[in-house]
Structure formats: structure tokens, C-alpha cells
Amino acid sequence: MTDDALRDGYDRLAATYAARLGHELDGKPLDRWLLERVARTAVGPVLDVGCGPGHVTGFLAAHGADARGLDLAPAMVAIARAQVPAARFEVGDLRALPDADATLGAVVAMYSLIHLPRAEVPAAIVELARALRPDGLLLLAVHAGTETLHPDALWDIPVDIDWNFLEPDALFAAVAAAGLVALEQLVRWPYPDEHASRRAYVLARKPG
């Protein structure tokens, strides 16, 4: 899978994705708890990378964060801007953030690292950590496991996208190797309406 294929796939998925998943946090209490914790305790701007149609960014903003979103797909960014006018959104790549060193109060990556080749994940986490202020927070969520899914279509829309599940221990180790201190390391089973995979979460802090 190339970056162009990922961008093109999510551009084509954007409207359907927003309609089907734009309210997914309503049924995800653990995600909400972690996001609320970030929104209420982060000191400084909060960046939601791989923001999609902006529902996570909007949730963060609604709970007090100075939140903005970043996504590779321009169509996702356009929908996010329309649906969450209170937040700012831009097109960009989480592997090369537009932010200077030590400027963000938190970075949130909810199921966006899974579209990277597994070998690129540790370097991506280092990049996210680079932009954090001392005591800044990093929240990651991924599908847990060893599988790679590559469906021909999603919601009958053709795509060429990899979903690379990540082993929790490898994720936790990559966060530690980036110099961050874990506050929470969690794995849960899927909720009834989700894809039948476990989820792994890390909430970590950059030492002050």
C-alpha cells in the first residue's frame, strides 16, 4: 500500500465513513474516558492525528481542549471543517508533523498508526513525541494482534488500504523507547458493534 492509495481510499470513503462512524464514541466508554482525561489535563494545544471526519477532535474540543486535527486525506479534512467548525483542521502526515519541537500539550492517534508498515511505527511515535512539551501527553489506540487486513472494498467502496494490527507489547515498548512514561497500558475486547478484534491503548507522558 502506498501513501497515494491510502489517501485516495480515504478520500472515497470520507462521506460514508463520517455517516457510519461519526458517532462511534457514543458506544466506546473507554475511549471517551481516555480522551476526556487528555482534554482536561493537557496544558497547551492538542493535535488529533489521522483525525478523519473530526469527531474525535470535536470531542476533545467539547471537553475543553484547544484541539485541532490533521489527516492525510483532503476529503476527510473538508468534512471535518464542515462538521466541527470550532476546531482547526489541515492536511498532513503524522510522520512529519508541521509543529515545532516541544509545542504541543498532547497528541492523540486513535487507530491511525495501523495504516503504517509495522517497521515504521517506532519512528512515527518518536515524531509524535518530538512535538510534545515536557509533561505533554500521548494517547494511542490500535487494533491488537498480528493480522493485516486488506479488503478489496469497505461499505462497497473499492479501497487499497492495509490495516496492520499491532502487538500490545511491541506498542508499549515503542512508546518507552521514544522516551515517554506510560500512565495507562490497556487492552480490551471489542464492543458488540465493532470489528471483532482486541484494542490496545497507551496513555503516556513526556518527562518534564
Protein backbone atom coordinates (compact mmCIF):
# COMPACT_ATOMS: atom_id res chain seq x y z
CA MET A 1 0.00 0.00 0.00
CA THR A 2 1.31 3.45 -0.93
CA ASP A 3 0.56 6.81 0.63
CA ASP A 4 -1.34 7.71 -2.54
CA ALA A 5 -3.51 4.60 -2.20
CA LEU A 6 -4.23 5.40 1.46
CA ARG A 7 -5.11 9.00 0.64
CA ASP A 8 -7.27 8.03 -2.33
CA GLY A 9 -9.06 5.31 -0.39
CA TYR A 10 -9.98 7.59 2.49
CA ASP A 11 -10.98 10.38 0.12
CA ARG A 12 -13.50 7.98 -1.44
CA LEU A 13 -14.60 6.64 1.94
CA ALA A 14 -14.92 10.05 3.61
CA ALA A 15 -18.65 10.73 3.31
CA THR A 16 -19.71 7.17 4.17
CA TYR A 17 -17.15 6.96 6.97
CA ALA A 18 -18.49 10.15 8.53
CA ALA A 19 -22.09 8.93 8.29
CA ARG A 20 -21.37 5.49 9.75
CA LEU A 21 -18.66 6.23 12.32
CA GLY A 22 -19.10 9.89 13.15
CA HIS A 23 -20.90 8.97 16.39
CA GLU A 24 -18.84 5.89 17.27
CA LEU A 25 -17.60 7.38 20.55
CA ASP A 26 -21.15 7.13 21.91
CA GLY A 27 -20.60 3.39 22.26
CA LYS A 28 -16.96 3.46 23.39
CA PRO A 29 -16.76 4.34 27.10
CA LEU A 30 -13.06 3.54 27.48
CA ASP A 31 -12.14 5.75 24.53
CA ARG A 32 -14.24 8.57 25.95
CA TRP A 33 -12.63 8.22 29.39
CA LEU A 34 -9.12 8.44 27.96
CA LEU A 35 -9.96 11.32 25.63
CA GLU A 36 -11.65 13.26 28.44
CA ARG A 37 -8.55 12.74 30.58
CA VAL A 38 -6.37 14.19 27.82
CA ALA A 39 -8.71 17.11 27.19
CA ARG A 40 -8.92 18.06 30.85
CA THR A 41 -5.27 17.69 31.80
CA ALA A 42 -3.24 18.65 28.71
CA VAL A 43 -1.52 22.01 29.03
CA GLY A 44 -1.34 23.52 25.57
CA PRO A 45 -2.69 22.63 22.12
CA VAL A 46 -3.91 19.11 21.42
CA LEU A 47 -3.34 17.57 17.98
CA ASP A 48 -5.53 14.70 16.74
CA VAL A 49 -3.54 12.90 14.02
CA GLY A 50 -5.41 10.81 11.49
CA CYS A 51 -8.47 12.77 12.53
CA GLY A 52 -10.79 11.56 9.77
CA PRO A 53 -14.11 13.44 9.77
CA GLY A 54 -13.22 15.22 13.00
CA HIS A 55 -15.41 13.50 15.57
CA VAL A 56 -12.54 12.82 17.98
CA THR A 57 -11.20 16.36 17.55
CA GLY A 58 -14.69 17.69 18.22
CA PHE A 59 -14.99 15.56 21.35
CA LEU A 60 -11.69 16.90 22.63
CA ALA A 61 -12.76 20.49 21.94
CA ALA A 62 -16.12 19.94 23.63
CA HIS A 63 -14.28 18.83 26.76
CA GLY A 64 -12.09 21.89 26.97
CA ALA A 65 -9.09 21.17 24.76
CA ASP A 66 -7.55 23.61 22.30
CA ALA A 67 -7.85 20.89 19.67
CA ARG A 68 -7.01 20.67 16.02
CA GLY A 69 -6.94 17.78 13.55
CA LEU A 70 -4.51 16.50 10.93
CA ASP A 71 -5.31 13.96 8.23
CA LEU A 72 -3.70 12.66 5.06
CA ALA A 73 -6.98 12.72 3.08
CA PRO A 74 -8.22 16.13 1.88
CA ALA A 75 -11.83 14.91 1.66
CA MET A 76 -11.75 13.92 5.32
CA VAL A 77 -10.36 17.33 6.26
CA ALA A 78 -13.12 19.07 4.25
CA ILE A 79 -15.82 17.12 6.10
CA ALA A 80 -14.15 17.76 9.46
CA ARG A 81 -14.05 21.50 8.80
CA ALA A 82 -17.75 21.50 7.93
CA GLN A 83 -18.85 19.32 10.85
CA VAL A 84 -16.61 20.75 13.57
CA PRO A 85 -16.24 24.48 12.82
CA ALA A 86 -14.98 25.15 16.34
CA ALA A 87 -11.72 23.28 15.63
CA ARG A 88 -8.97 23.71 13.04
CA PHE A 89 -8.06 21.03 10.52
CA GLU A 90 -5.27 20.60 7.99
CA VAL A 91 -3.95 18.07 5.54
CA GLY A 92 -0.72 16.45 6.69
CA ASP A 93 1.22 13.32 7.56
CA LEU A 94 1.67 12.13 11.14
CA ARG A 95 5.21 11.01 10.24
CA ALA A 96 6.19 14.65 9.60
CA LEU A 97 4.20 16.94 11.88
CA PRO A 98 4.01 20.64 11.00
CA ASP A 99 4.62 21.52 14.65
CA ALA A 100 7.91 22.67 16.15
CA ASP A 101 9.65 20.71 18.89
CA ALA A 102 8.04 20.78 22.35
CA THR A 103 5.00 22.87 21.37
CA LEU A 104 2.01 20.57 21.93
CA GLY A 105 0.24 19.73 25.15
CA ALA A 106 -0.94 16.39 23.77
CA VAL A 107 -1.05 14.27 20.64
CA VAL A 108 -3.87 11.78 20.06
CA ALA A 109 -3.65 8.99 17.45
CA MET A 110 -6.80 6.88 17.51
CA TYR A 111 -6.37 3.96 15.11
CA SER A 112 -4.15 5.88 12.68
CA LEU A 113 -0.84 4.09 13.31
CA ILE A 114 -2.39 0.87 11.96
CA HIS A 115 -2.08 2.18 8.40
CA LEU A 116 1.70 2.37 8.64
CA PRO A 117 4.00 -0.56 7.90
CA ARG A 118 4.83 -2.05 11.29
CA ALA A 119 8.52 -1.23 10.85
CA GLU A 120 7.64 2.48 10.62
CA VAL A 121 5.61 2.65 13.83
CA PRO A 122 8.51 3.25 16.28
CA ALA A 123 9.84 6.17 14.22
CA ALA A 124 6.33 7.61 13.93
CA ILE A 125 5.96 7.51 17.72
CA VAL A 126 9.31 9.29 18.08
CA GLU A 127 7.98 12.00 15.74
CA LEU A 128 4.79 12.41 17.78
CA ALA A 129 6.83 12.61 20.98
CA ARG A 130 9.15 15.23 19.44
CA ALA A 131 6.34 17.76 19.25
CA LEU A 132 5.22 17.28 22.86
CA ARG A 133 6.04 19.79 25.55
CA PRO A 134 7.61 18.50 28.75
CA ASP A 135 4.79 16.75 30.65
CA GLY A 136 2.83 16.55 27.37
CA LEU A 137 0.57 13.54 26.80
CA LEU A 138 0.45 10.96 24.03
CA LEU A 139 -2.67 8.80 23.58
CA LEU A 140 -2.52 5.90 21.12
CA ALA A 141 -5.16 3.33 20.20
CA VAL A 142 -4.66 0.42 17.79
CA HIS A 143 -6.14 -2.90 16.80
CA ALA A 144 -4.20 -5.50 18.78
CA GLY A 145 -2.74 -8.59 17.17
CA THR A 146 -0.61 -9.77 14.28
CA GLU A 147 -3.12 -9.68 11.42
CA THR A 148 -3.03 -7.49 8.35
CA LEU A 149 -6.40 -6.84 6.74
CA HIS A 150 -6.53 -5.72 3.13
CA PRO A 151 -10.15 -5.78 1.96
CA ASP A 152 -10.99 -5.02 -1.65
CA ALA A 153 -13.84 -2.75 -0.54
CA LEU A 154 -15.33 -1.16 2.54
CA TRP A 155 -19.05 -0.39 2.54
CA ASP A 156 -18.99 -1.43 -1.15
CA ILE A 157 -16.43 1.29 -1.91
CA PRO A 158 -13.22 -0.07 -3.52
CA VAL A 159 -10.08 0.57 -1.46
CA ASP A 160 -6.40 -0.39 -1.43
CA ILE A 161 -5.66 0.06 2.29
CA ASP A 162 -3.80 -2.07 4.82
CA TRP A 163 -4.99 -2.36 8.41
CA ASN A 164 -1.92 -3.58 10.31
CA PHE A 165 -2.77 -4.83 13.78
CA LEU A 166 -0.03 -4.28 16.38
CA GLU A 167 1.10 -6.47 19.24
CA PRO A 168 0.44 -4.59 22.51
CA ASP A 169 3.87 -5.36 23.96
CA ALA A 170 5.56 -4.03 20.82
CA LEU A 171 3.48 -0.85 21.00
CA PHE A 172 4.24 -0.36 24.69
CA ALA A 173 7.96 -0.92 24.04
CA ALA A 174 8.00 1.62 21.19
CA VAL A 175 6.43 4.25 23.43
CA ALA A 176 9.03 3.61 26.13
CA ALA A 177 11.84 3.70 23.54
CA ALA A 178 10.61 7.15 22.47
CA GLY A 179 11.38 8.38 26.00
CA LEU A 180 7.80 8.50 27.27
CA VAL A 181 6.48 7.24 30.60
CA ALA A 182 3.32 5.13 30.43
CA LEU A 183 0.42 6.20 32.61
CA GLU A 184 -2.00 3.60 31.25
CA GLN A 185 -1.44 0.46 29.15
CA LEU A 186 -4.74 -1.25 28.41
CA VAL A 187 -6.15 -3.98 26.19
CA ARG A 188 -9.88 -4.58 25.79
CA TRP A 189 -12.16 -6.91 23.90
CA PRO A 190 -14.35 -5.42 21.16
CA TYR A 191 -17.73 -3.88 21.83
CA PRO A 192 -20.70 -5.57 20.10
CA ASP A 193 -20.86 -3.22 17.09
CA GLU A 194 -17.10 -3.17 16.41
CA HIS A 195 -14.84 -5.28 14.25
CA ALA A 196 -14.06 -8.43 16.23
CA SER A 197 -10.55 -7.52 17.34
CA ARG A 198 -8.98 -6.52 20.63
CA ARG A 199 -7.94 -2.90 21.13
CA ALA A 200 -4.73 -1.71 22.77
CA TYR A 201 -4.27 1.74 24.30
CA VAL A 202 -1.34 3.67 25.69
CA LEU A 203 -1.56 6.96 27.55
CA ALA A 204 1.95 8.25 28.18
CA ARG A 205 3.69 11.39 29.42
CA LYS A 206 6.84 13.11 28.19
CA PRO A 207 9.09 13.65 31.21
CA GLY A 208 9.37 17.25 32.36
